[in-house]
C-alpha cells in the first residue's frame, strides 16, 4: 500500500500519452490504492503532491465528530471551516491501477501546463510523494 513504509527515494519519469504517471517501487503503491492529489505552488514552481486518501478522510471524520458535539455556533463554524480548508486543498482523488499508474485529470494538466511526454521527477517525502516537471 502507498506509504505503507517510509517513502524515500527519487526517480525520473514521464507523463504518458494518456496523462498517466507510473509510481516507482519506493512508494509502495498498490492496485486500487486511493490517493489525494494536491497542486502546490511555490514562488519558483508548481508541483503535485500525492498522499494516502485514508489519512485525510480520518482527519475530516474527527472534525465532523467534533462539529456534531459542538455546544456553540462559533465552535460548530470553527470545525466546519477546518473541514472546508482540508477539502479546498485537495484537487482530486486518484486510484492506482494494476501497473502502479494514476491519471492526472485533464483540467489539472491544462491549468498547470503539463503535457503528455513531459519529463518529471518523483521524490519521496516520508508519507507523501512529490512530482515536479523537469525543466
N, C-alpha and C. Protein backbone atom coordinates (compact mmCIF):
# COMPACT_ATOMS: atom_id res chain seq x y z
N UNK A 1 0.84 -1.18 0.00
CA UNK A 1 0.00 0.00 0.00
C UNK A 1 0.89 1.24 0.00
N UNK A 2 0.43 2.28 -0.70
CA UNK A 2 1.15 3.54 -0.78
C UNK A 2 1.43 4.06 0.63
N UNK A 3 2.68 4.42 0.86
CA UNK A 3 3.03 4.98 2.16
C UNK A 3 3.03 3.98 3.29
N UNK A 4 2.93 2.70 2.96
CA UNK A 4 2.93 1.66 3.98
C UNK A 4 4.20 1.73 4.82
N UNK A 5 5.28 2.04 4.14
CA UNK A 5 6.57 2.26 4.78
C UNK A 5 6.99 3.67 4.41
N UNK A 6 8.06 4.13 5.01
CA UNK A 6 8.58 5.45 4.72
C UNK A 6 8.89 5.58 3.23
N UNK A 7 8.38 6.63 2.61
CA UNK A 7 8.59 6.85 1.17
C UNK A 7 9.86 7.69 1.02
N UNK A 8 10.92 7.02 0.61
CA UNK A 8 12.20 7.68 0.43
C UNK A 8 12.75 7.26 -0.93
N UNK A 9 13.19 8.23 -1.69
CA UNK A 9 13.80 7.93 -2.98
C UNK A 9 13.47 9.00 -4.00
N UNK A 10 14.16 8.94 -5.11
CA UNK A 10 13.95 9.86 -6.22
C UNK A 10 13.99 9.06 -7.50
N UNK A 11 13.12 9.41 -8.43
CA UNK A 11 13.10 8.73 -9.73
C UNK A 11 12.72 9.74 -10.80
N UNK A 12 13.08 9.41 -12.01
CA UNK A 12 12.65 10.20 -13.15
C UNK A 12 11.55 9.43 -13.86
N UNK A 13 10.66 10.15 -14.48
CA UNK A 13 9.57 9.51 -15.20
C UNK A 13 9.09 10.40 -16.32
N UNK A 14 7.93 10.04 -16.83
CA UNK A 14 7.34 10.76 -17.95
C UNK A 14 5.83 10.68 -17.81
N UNK A 15 5.16 11.73 -18.24
CA UNK A 15 3.71 11.68 -18.33
C UNK A 15 3.40 11.00 -19.65
N UNK A 16 2.65 9.90 -19.61
CA UNK A 16 2.42 9.16 -20.86
C UNK A 16 1.35 9.86 -21.72
N UNK A 17 1.08 9.31 -22.86
CA UNK A 17 0.16 9.90 -23.83
C UNK A 17 -1.27 10.05 -23.33
N UNK A 18 -1.63 9.34 -22.27
CA UNK A 18 -2.97 9.44 -21.71
C UNK A 18 -3.00 10.24 -20.41
N UNK A 19 -1.89 10.92 -20.10
CA UNK A 19 -1.84 11.73 -18.89
C UNK A 19 -1.62 10.92 -17.62
N UNK A 20 -0.96 9.77 -17.75
CA UNK A 20 -0.72 8.92 -16.58
C UNK A 20 0.75 8.99 -16.16
N UNK A 21 0.95 8.71 -14.88
CA UNK A 21 2.30 8.64 -14.32
C UNK A 21 2.43 7.29 -13.62
N UNK A 22 3.56 6.64 -13.84
CA UNK A 22 3.87 5.39 -13.13
C UNK A 22 4.63 5.74 -11.87
N UNK A 23 4.15 5.25 -10.74
CA UNK A 23 4.83 5.49 -9.47
C UNK A 23 5.92 4.45 -9.25
N UNK A 24 7.09 4.88 -8.81
CA UNK A 24 8.20 3.94 -8.58
C UNK A 24 7.93 3.01 -7.40
N UNK A 25 8.70 1.92 -7.36
CA UNK A 25 8.55 0.92 -6.30
C UNK A 25 8.68 1.50 -4.90
N UNK A 26 9.54 2.52 -4.73
CA UNK A 26 9.77 3.04 -3.37
C UNK A 26 8.54 3.72 -2.76
N UNK A 27 7.48 3.92 -3.54
CA UNK A 27 6.24 4.49 -2.99
C UNK A 27 5.34 3.41 -2.40
N UNK A 28 5.62 2.17 -2.73
CA UNK A 28 4.80 1.03 -2.28
C UNK A 28 3.36 1.10 -2.77
N UNK A 29 3.15 1.80 -3.90
CA UNK A 29 1.81 1.91 -4.47
C UNK A 29 1.32 0.54 -4.90
N UNK A 30 0.05 0.28 -4.64
CA UNK A 30 -0.58 -0.99 -4.99
C UNK A 30 -1.86 -0.72 -5.79
N UNK A 31 -2.28 -1.69 -6.60
CA UNK A 31 -3.55 -1.51 -7.33
C UNK A 31 -4.68 -1.16 -6.37
N UNK A 32 -5.51 -0.23 -6.80
CA UNK A 32 -6.69 0.24 -6.06
C UNK A 32 -6.40 1.15 -4.88
N UNK A 33 -5.13 1.48 -4.63
CA UNK A 33 -4.86 2.49 -3.61
C UNK A 33 -5.55 3.79 -4.03
N UNK A 34 -6.16 4.46 -3.10
CA UNK A 34 -6.80 5.75 -3.37
C UNK A 34 -5.94 6.84 -2.76
N UNK A 35 -5.54 7.79 -3.61
CA UNK A 35 -4.64 8.85 -3.19
C UNK A 35 -5.26 10.22 -3.42
N UNK A 36 -4.87 11.14 -2.58
CA UNK A 36 -5.25 12.55 -2.72
C UNK A 36 -4.21 13.19 -3.62
N UNK A 37 -4.66 13.94 -4.60
CA UNK A 37 -3.77 14.71 -5.46
C UNK A 37 -3.95 16.18 -5.13
N UNK A 38 -2.85 16.83 -4.78
CA UNK A 38 -2.87 18.25 -4.49
C UNK A 38 -1.95 18.95 -5.48
N UNK A 39 -2.28 20.19 -5.81
CA UNK A 39 -1.42 21.02 -6.63
C UNK A 39 -0.88 22.10 -5.71
N UNK A 40 0.43 22.15 -5.55
CA UNK A 40 1.06 23.11 -4.65
C UNK A 40 1.93 24.07 -5.45
N UNK A 41 1.85 25.34 -5.10
CA UNK A 41 2.62 26.37 -5.79
C UNK A 41 3.63 26.99 -4.83
N UNK A 42 4.83 27.20 -5.34
CA UNK A 42 5.82 28.00 -4.63
C UNK A 42 6.17 29.15 -5.56
N UNK A 43 7.02 30.02 -5.12
CA UNK A 43 7.42 31.13 -5.98
C UNK A 43 8.14 30.62 -7.22
N UNK A 44 8.84 29.51 -7.10
CA UNK A 44 9.66 29.02 -8.20
C UNK A 44 8.97 28.00 -9.10
N UNK A 45 8.08 27.18 -8.51
CA UNK A 45 7.50 26.12 -9.32
C UNK A 45 6.18 25.62 -8.76
N UNK A 46 5.50 24.86 -9.62
CA UNK A 46 4.26 24.18 -9.24
C UNK A 46 4.58 22.70 -9.23
N UNK A 47 4.06 21.99 -8.26
CA UNK A 47 4.27 20.55 -8.23
C UNK A 47 3.03 19.84 -7.70
N UNK A 48 2.99 18.55 -7.95
CA UNK A 48 1.89 17.72 -7.49
C UNK A 48 2.33 16.98 -6.24
N UNK A 49 1.39 16.78 -5.33
CA UNK A 49 1.67 16.02 -4.11
C UNK A 49 0.64 14.91 -4.01
N UNK A 50 1.11 13.71 -3.74
CA UNK A 50 0.25 12.55 -3.53
C UNK A 50 0.33 12.10 -2.08
N UNK A 51 -0.82 11.88 -1.48
CA UNK A 51 -0.90 11.39 -0.11
C UNK A 51 -2.01 10.35 -0.04
N UNK A 52 -1.96 9.53 0.96
CA UNK A 52 -2.97 8.50 1.13
C UNK A 52 -4.31 9.12 1.51
N UNK A 53 -5.34 8.81 0.76
CA UNK A 53 -6.67 9.35 0.95
C UNK A 53 -7.19 9.04 2.36
N UNK A 54 -6.92 7.85 2.82
CA UNK A 54 -7.41 7.40 4.12
C UNK A 54 -7.03 8.37 5.24
N UNK A 55 -5.83 8.92 5.19
CA UNK A 55 -5.38 9.85 6.23
C UNK A 55 -6.24 11.11 6.27
N UNK A 56 -6.58 11.63 5.10
CA UNK A 56 -7.41 12.83 5.02
C UNK A 56 -8.83 12.54 5.49
N UNK A 57 -9.34 11.39 5.09
CA UNK A 57 -10.70 11.03 5.50
C UNK A 57 -10.81 10.86 7.01
N UNK A 58 -9.78 10.30 7.62
CA UNK A 58 -9.78 10.14 9.07
C UNK A 58 -9.77 11.50 9.78
N UNK A 59 -8.99 12.43 9.25
CA UNK A 59 -8.92 13.76 9.83
C UNK A 59 -10.27 14.49 9.69
N UNK A 60 -10.87 14.40 8.50
CA UNK A 60 -12.18 15.02 8.29
C UNK A 60 -13.22 14.40 9.22
N UNK A 61 -13.16 13.09 9.38
CA UNK A 61 -14.11 12.41 10.27
C UNK A 61 -13.98 12.92 11.71
N UNK A 62 -12.75 13.15 12.16
CA UNK A 62 -12.55 13.68 13.52
C UNK A 62 -13.17 15.06 13.67
N UNK A 63 -12.96 15.91 12.65
CA UNK A 63 -13.56 17.25 12.71
C UNK A 63 -15.09 17.18 12.64
N UNK A 64 -15.63 16.23 11.88
CA UNK A 64 -17.08 16.08 11.82
C UNK A 64 -17.64 15.66 13.18
N UNK A 65 -16.94 14.76 13.85
CA UNK A 65 -17.38 14.34 15.18
C UNK A 65 -17.34 15.50 16.16
N UNK A 66 -16.29 16.31 16.10
CA UNK A 66 -16.20 17.49 16.96
C UNK A 66 -17.31 18.49 16.64
N UNK A 67 -17.60 18.64 15.35
CA UNK A 67 -18.66 19.55 14.91
C UNK A 67 -20.02 19.11 15.45
N UNK A 68 -20.27 17.79 15.42
CA UNK A 68 -21.54 17.25 15.92
C UNK A 68 -21.70 17.45 17.43
N UNK A 69 -20.58 17.53 18.14
CA UNK A 69 -20.61 17.71 19.59
C UNK A 69 -20.49 19.18 20.00
N UNK A 70 -20.43 20.06 19.01
CA UNK A 70 -20.27 21.49 19.30
C UNK A 70 -21.41 21.99 20.19
N UNK A 71 -21.03 22.88 21.11
CA UNK A 71 -22.03 23.43 22.02
C UNK A 71 -22.32 24.90 21.74
N UNK A 72 -21.71 25.44 20.70
CA UNK A 72 -21.98 26.82 20.31
C UNK A 72 -21.87 26.94 18.79
N UNK A 73 -22.46 27.97 18.26
CA UNK A 73 -22.37 28.22 16.81
C UNK A 73 -20.92 28.49 16.42
N UNK A 74 -20.20 29.21 17.25
CA UNK A 74 -18.80 29.52 16.96
C UNK A 74 -17.97 28.24 16.84
N UNK A 75 -18.19 27.34 17.78
CA UNK A 75 -17.46 26.07 17.76
C UNK A 75 -17.86 25.25 16.54
N UNK A 76 -19.14 25.20 16.22
CA UNK A 76 -19.65 24.49 15.05
C UNK A 76 -19.01 25.05 13.79
N UNK A 77 -18.98 26.37 13.66
CA UNK A 77 -18.40 27.01 12.48
C UNK A 77 -16.89 26.79 12.39
N UNK A 78 -16.23 26.75 13.53
CA UNK A 78 -14.78 26.51 13.56
C UNK A 78 -14.46 25.16 12.92
N UNK A 79 -15.17 24.12 13.33
CA UNK A 79 -14.91 22.79 12.78
C UNK A 79 -15.37 22.67 11.33
N UNK A 80 -16.43 23.36 10.99
CA UNK A 80 -16.87 23.40 9.59
C UNK A 80 -15.79 24.02 8.71
N UNK A 81 -15.18 25.11 9.19
CA UNK A 81 -14.10 25.76 8.43
C UNK A 81 -12.89 24.84 8.28
N UNK A 82 -12.57 24.11 9.32
CA UNK A 82 -11.43 23.18 9.24
C UNK A 82 -11.66 22.14 8.15
N UNK A 83 -12.87 21.62 8.09
CA UNK A 83 -13.21 20.63 7.06
C UNK A 83 -13.12 21.27 5.67
N UNK A 84 -13.64 22.48 5.54
CA UNK A 84 -13.58 23.19 4.26
C UNK A 84 -12.14 23.43 3.82
N UNK A 85 -11.29 23.84 4.75
CA UNK A 85 -9.88 24.11 4.43
C UNK A 85 -9.20 22.85 3.90
N UNK A 86 -9.44 21.74 4.55
CA UNK A 86 -8.86 20.47 4.10
C UNK A 86 -9.35 20.15 2.69
N UNK A 87 -10.65 20.25 2.49
CA UNK A 87 -11.23 19.89 1.19
C UNK A 87 -10.77 20.82 0.07
N UNK A 88 -10.60 22.10 0.37
CA UNK A 88 -10.13 23.05 -0.64
C UNK A 88 -8.70 22.77 -1.10
N UNK A 89 -7.92 22.15 -0.24
CA UNK A 89 -6.53 21.83 -0.59
C UNK A 89 -6.42 20.59 -1.47
N UNK A 90 -7.50 19.86 -1.63
CA UNK A 90 -7.49 18.63 -2.42
C UNK A 90 -7.96 18.94 -3.83
N UNK A 91 -7.13 18.62 -4.82
CA UNK A 91 -7.53 18.82 -6.21
C UNK A 91 -8.48 17.70 -6.64
N UNK A 92 -8.13 16.47 -6.28
CA UNK A 92 -8.98 15.33 -6.61
C UNK A 92 -8.44 14.08 -5.93
N UNK A 93 -9.19 13.01 -6.06
CA UNK A 93 -8.75 11.69 -5.60
C UNK A 93 -8.42 10.87 -6.84
N UNK A 94 -7.35 10.11 -6.77
CA UNK A 94 -6.97 9.25 -7.89
C UNK A 94 -6.83 7.82 -7.39
N UNK A 95 -6.99 6.89 -8.29
CA UNK A 95 -6.89 5.47 -7.95
C UNK A 95 -5.74 4.86 -8.75
N UNK A 96 -4.94 4.05 -8.08
CA UNK A 96 -3.79 3.40 -8.70
C UNK A 96 -4.27 2.17 -9.46
N UNK A 97 -3.78 2.00 -10.70
CA UNK A 97 -4.16 0.83 -11.49
C UNK A 97 -3.18 -0.31 -11.26
N UNK A 98 -3.35 -1.39 -11.99
CA UNK A 98 -2.53 -2.59 -11.76
C UNK A 98 -1.08 -2.45 -12.21
N UNK A 99 -0.73 -1.33 -12.83
CA UNK A 99 0.66 -1.08 -13.22
C UNK A 99 1.27 0.07 -12.43
N UNK A 100 0.68 0.39 -11.28
CA UNK A 100 1.13 1.47 -10.39
C UNK A 100 1.03 2.85 -11.07
N UNK A 101 0.02 3.03 -11.93
CA UNK A 101 -0.18 4.31 -12.62
C UNK A 101 -1.41 5.00 -12.07
N UNK A 102 -1.42 6.31 -12.24
CA UNK A 102 -2.63 7.09 -11.95
C UNK A 102 -2.77 8.14 -13.05
N UNK A 103 -4.01 8.55 -13.26
CA UNK A 103 -4.33 9.56 -14.27
C UNK A 103 -4.34 10.95 -13.65
N UNK A 104 -3.72 11.89 -14.32
CA UNK A 104 -3.85 13.29 -13.93
C UNK A 104 -5.06 13.81 -14.70
N UNK A 105 -6.08 14.32 -14.03
CA UNK A 105 -7.24 14.83 -14.76
C UNK A 105 -6.85 15.92 -15.77
N UNK A 106 -7.57 15.96 -16.89
CA UNK A 106 -7.27 16.93 -17.94
C UNK A 106 -7.27 18.36 -17.43
N UNK A 107 -8.20 18.69 -16.55
CA UNK A 107 -8.27 20.06 -16.03
C UNK A 107 -6.98 20.43 -15.29
N UNK A 108 -6.43 19.51 -14.53
CA UNK A 108 -5.19 19.77 -13.80
C UNK A 108 -4.02 19.85 -14.77
N UNK A 109 -4.03 19.01 -15.79
CA UNK A 109 -2.98 19.07 -16.81
C UNK A 109 -2.98 20.46 -17.46
N UNK A 110 -4.15 20.94 -17.88
CA UNK A 110 -4.25 22.23 -18.57
C UNK A 110 -3.88 23.39 -17.65
N UNK A 111 -4.43 23.41 -16.45
CA UNK A 111 -4.19 24.51 -15.53
C UNK A 111 -2.73 24.65 -15.14
N UNK A 112 -1.98 23.56 -15.22
CA UNK A 112 -0.59 23.56 -14.76
C UNK A 112 0.42 23.33 -15.87
N UNK A 113 -0.03 23.54 -17.10
CA UNK A 113 0.85 23.43 -18.27
C UNK A 113 1.61 22.11 -18.33
N UNK A 114 0.92 21.03 -18.01
CA UNK A 114 1.50 19.69 -18.12
C UNK A 114 1.04 19.07 -19.43
N UNK A 115 1.95 18.40 -20.09
CA UNK A 115 1.63 17.79 -21.38
C UNK A 115 2.09 16.34 -21.41
N UNK A 116 1.39 15.49 -22.17
CA UNK A 116 1.90 14.13 -22.38
C UNK A 116 3.32 14.23 -22.93
N UNK A 117 4.18 13.39 -22.43
CA UNK A 117 5.58 13.40 -22.85
C UNK A 117 6.49 14.23 -21.97
N UNK A 118 5.92 15.05 -21.07
CA UNK A 118 6.76 15.84 -20.17
C UNK A 118 7.57 14.93 -19.26
N UNK A 119 8.83 15.29 -19.09
CA UNK A 119 9.70 14.59 -18.15
C UNK A 119 9.42 15.11 -16.75
N UNK A 120 9.45 14.21 -15.78
CA UNK A 120 9.15 14.58 -14.39
C UNK A 120 10.15 13.96 -13.43
N UNK A 121 10.23 14.54 -12.24
CA UNK A 121 10.95 13.97 -11.11
C UNK A 121 9.91 13.53 -10.09
N UNK A 122 10.11 12.37 -9.51
CA UNK A 122 9.24 11.85 -8.46
C UNK A 122 10.10 11.71 -7.21
N UNK A 123 9.70 12.39 -6.13
CA UNK A 123 10.50 12.40 -4.91
C UNK A 123 9.69 11.92 -3.72
N UNK A 124 10.23 10.98 -2.99
CA UNK A 124 9.60 10.52 -1.77
C UNK A 124 9.78 11.54 -0.67
N UNK A 125 8.74 11.72 0.14
CA UNK A 125 8.80 12.71 1.21
C UNK A 125 8.16 12.15 2.48
N UNK A 126 8.58 10.98 2.88
CA UNK A 126 8.07 10.40 4.12
C UNK A 126 6.75 9.69 3.93
N UNK A 127 5.64 10.41 4.08
CA UNK A 127 4.32 9.81 3.89
C UNK A 127 3.66 10.30 2.61
N UNK A 128 4.36 11.14 1.86
CA UNK A 128 3.83 11.69 0.62
C UNK A 128 4.86 11.55 -0.49
N UNK A 129 4.41 11.85 -1.70
CA UNK A 129 5.30 11.85 -2.86
C UNK A 129 5.07 13.14 -3.62
N UNK A 130 6.14 13.77 -4.06
CA UNK A 130 6.06 14.99 -4.84
C UNK A 130 6.45 14.70 -6.28
N UNK A 131 5.75 15.34 -7.20
CA UNK A 131 6.02 15.18 -8.62
C UNK A 131 6.26 16.57 -9.20
N UNK A 132 7.46 16.75 -9.77
CA UNK A 132 7.84 18.03 -10.33
C UNK A 132 8.14 17.88 -11.81
N UNK A 133 7.75 18.86 -12.58
CA UNK A 133 8.04 18.86 -14.01
C UNK A 133 9.52 19.20 -14.19
N UNK A 134 10.18 18.38 -14.98
CA UNK A 134 11.61 18.61 -15.25
C UNK A 134 11.74 19.81 -16.18
N UNK A 135 12.66 20.69 -15.86
CA UNK A 135 12.83 21.91 -16.67
C UNK A 135 13.89 21.73 -17.72
